[in-house]
C-alpha atoms as a PDB file:
ATOM      1  CA  UNK A   1      60.272  52.862  39.261  1.00  0.00           C
ATOM      2  CA  UNK A   2      60.337  52.947  43.057  1.00  0.00           C
ATOM      3  CA  UNK A   3      63.556  54.930  42.994  1.00  0.00           C
ATOM      4  CA  UNK A   4      61.964  57.532  40.720  1.00  0.00           C
ATOM      5  CA  UNK A   5      59.017  57.914  43.098  1.00  0.00           C
ATOM      6  CA  UNK A   6      61.371  58.463  46.039  1.00  0.00           C
ATOM      7  CA  UNK A   7      63.350  61.007  44.050  1.00  0.00           C
ATOM      8  CA  UNK A   8      60.179  62.819  43.001  1.00  0.00           C
ATOM      9  CA  UNK A   9      58.997  62.851  46.639  1.00  0.00           C
ATOM     10  CA  UNK A  10      62.328  64.265  47.844  1.00  0.00           C
ATOM     11  CA  UNK A  11      62.241  66.987  45.196  1.00  0.00           C
ATOM     12  CA  UNK A  12      58.660  67.874  46.179  1.00  0.00           C
ATOM     13  CA  UNK A  13      59.644  68.143  49.840  1.00  0.00           C
ATOM     14  CA  UNK A  14      62.592  70.389  49.062  1.00  0.00           C
ATOM     15  CA  UNK A  15      60.454  72.574  46.814  1.00  0.00           C
ATOM     16  CA  UNK A  16      57.910  72.932  49.625  1.00  0.00           C
ATOM     17  CA  UNK A  17      60.597  74.206  52.014  1.00  0.00           C
ATOM     18  CA  UNK A  18      61.634  76.864  49.531  1.00  0.00           C
ATOM     19  CA  UNK A  19      58.183  78.465  49.425  1.00  0.00           C
ATOM     20  CA  UNK A  20      58.064  79.096  53.195  1.00  0.00           C
ATOM     21  CA  UNK A  21      60.207  82.202  53.555  1.00  0.00           C
ATOM     22  CA  UNK A  22      60.018  84.392  56.659  1.00  0.00           C
ATOM     23  CA  UNK A  23      58.460  87.790  56.140  1.00  0.00           C
ATOM     24  CA  UNK A  24      59.792  90.836  57.980  1.00  0.00           C
ATOM     25  CA  UNK A  25      57.053  93.104  59.287  1.00  0.00           C
ATOM     26  CA  UNK A  26      58.009  96.518  60.669  1.00  0.00           C
ATOM     27  CA  UNK A  27      55.561  98.070  63.101  1.00  0.00           C
ATOM     28  CA  UNK A  28      56.340 101.502  64.553  1.00  0.00           C
ATOM     29  CA  UNK A  29      56.272 101.499  68.335  1.00  0.00           C
ATOM     30  CA  UNK A  30      56.058 104.715  70.330  1.00  0.00           C
ATOM     31  CA  UNK A  31      58.822 105.022  72.918  1.00  0.00           C
ATOM     32  CA  UNK A  32      59.662 108.005  75.102  1.00  0.00           C
ATOM     33  CA  UNK A  33      62.784 109.986  74.356  1.00  0.00           C
ATOM     34  CA  UNK A  34      65.009 109.489  77.383  1.00  0.00           C
ATOM     35  CA  UNK A  35      68.363 110.517  75.977  1.00  0.00           C
ATOM     36  CA  UNK A  36      70.436 112.838  78.098  1.00  0.00           C
ATOM     37  CA  UNK A  37      71.910 115.984  76.639  1.00  0.00           C
ATOM     38  CA  UNK A  38      75.634 115.528  75.931  1.00  0.00           C
ATOM     39  CA  UNK A  39      77.974 117.600  78.062  1.00  0.00           C
ATOM     40  CA  UNK A  40      79.615 120.538  76.346  1.00  0.00           C
ATOM     41  CA  UNK A  41      83.327 119.844  75.916  1.00  0.00           C
ATOM     42  CA  UNK A  42      86.017 121.989  77.513  1.00  0.00           C
ATOM     43  CA  UNK A  43      87.188 123.954  74.509  1.00  0.00           C
ATOM     44  CA  UNK A  44      90.862 124.287  73.688  1.00  0.00           C
ATOM     45  CA  UNK A  45      90.797 128.092  73.477  1.00  0.00           C
ATOM     46  CA  UNK A  46      89.345 128.364  76.976  1.00  0.00           C
ATOM     47  CA  UNK A  47      92.469 126.742  78.387  1.00  0.00           C
ATOM     48  CA  UNK A  48      94.997 129.023  76.654  1.00  0.00           C
ATOM     49  CA  UNK A  49      97.119 131.329  78.775  1.00  0.00           C
ATOM     50  CA  UNK A  50      96.744 135.051  78.157  1.00  0.00           C
ATOM     51  CA  UNK A  51     100.246 135.324  76.710  1.00  0.00           C
ATOM     52  CA  UNK A  52      99.880 132.457  74.171  1.00  0.00           C
ATOM     53  CA  UNK A  53     101.569 132.912  70.819  1.00  0.00           C
ATOM     54  CA  UNK A  54      99.694 133.274  67.565  1.00  0.00           C
ATOM     55  CA  UNK A  55     100.722 129.748  66.602  1.00  0.00           C
ATOM     56  CA  UNK A  56      99.376 128.313  69.851  1.00  0.00           C
ATOM     57  CA  UNK A  57      96.102 130.179  69.355  1.00  0.00           C
ATOM     58  CA  UNK A  58      95.770 128.914  65.774  1.00  0.00           C
ATOM     59  CA  UNK A  59      96.491 125.349  66.883  1.00  0.00           C
ATOM     60  CA  UNK A  60      93.913 125.667  69.667  1.00  0.00           C
ATOM     61  CA  UNK A  61      91.320 127.023  67.237  1.00  0.00           C
ATOM     62  CA  UNK A  62      91.827 124.045  64.923  1.00  0.00           C
ATOM     63  CA  UNK A  63      91.501 121.653  67.854  1.00  0.00           C
ATOM     64  CA  UNK A  64      88.368 123.488  68.992  1.00  0.00           C
ATOM     65  CA  UNK A  65      86.855 123.105  65.530  1.00  0.00           C
ATOM     66  CA  UNK A  66      87.271 119.319  65.763  1.00  0.00           C
ATOM     67  CA  UNK A  67      85.852 119.324  69.293  1.00  0.00           C
ATOM     68  CA  UNK A  68      82.771 121.256  68.178  1.00  0.00           C
ATOM     69  CA  UNK A  69      82.207 118.961  65.197  1.00  0.00           C
ATOM     70  CA  UNK A  70      82.133 115.970  67.544  1.00  0.00           C
ATOM     71  CA  UNK A  71      79.804 117.786  69.946  1.00  0.00           C
ATOM     72  CA  UNK A  72      77.425 118.738  67.135  1.00  0.00           C
ATOM     73  CA  UNK A  73      77.420 115.133  65.890  1.00  0.00           C
ATOM     74  CA  UNK A  74      76.426 113.932  69.379  1.00  0.00           C
ATOM     75  CA  UNK A  75      73.653 116.534  69.598  1.00  0.00           C
ATOM     76  CA  UNK A  76      72.310 115.582  66.170  1.00  0.00           C
ATOM     77  CA  UNK A  77      72.324 111.900  67.137  1.00  0.00           C
ATOM     78  CA  UNK A  78      70.238 112.659  70.239  1.00  0.00           C
ATOM     79  CA  UNK A  79      67.813 114.797  68.240  1.00  0.00           C
ATOM     80  CA  UNK A  80      67.489 112.154  65.516  1.00  0.00           C
ATOM     81  CA  UNK A  81      66.854 109.439  68.106  1.00  0.00           C
ATOM     82  CA  UNK A  82      64.103 111.526  69.693  1.00  0.00           C
ATOM     83  CA  UNK A  83      62.493 112.309  66.329  1.00  0.00           C
ATOM     84  CA  UNK A  84      62.447 108.629  65.367  1.00  0.00           C
ATOM     85  CA  UNK A  85      60.872 107.799  68.731  1.00  0.00           C
ATOM     86  CA  UNK A  86      57.849 110.008  68.042  1.00  0.00           C
END
């Protein structure tokens, strides 16, 4: 009988711990936007010599496309961070 009471008490204690779950509360906090504008990259076509072949120009244009995609992604990240901060 005593063993059953101890077991019942232990089960009650464990059940009590289960009901106390932490609650996440999100409160928006206004912060100033202090992000610096990313520097514009040196584009590949700007560094081509005047007598570059068509193949070199095409390769530089493809590289420039990738450079601009990265630059746009950085700009969008700064803009998004500032919009969230409002």
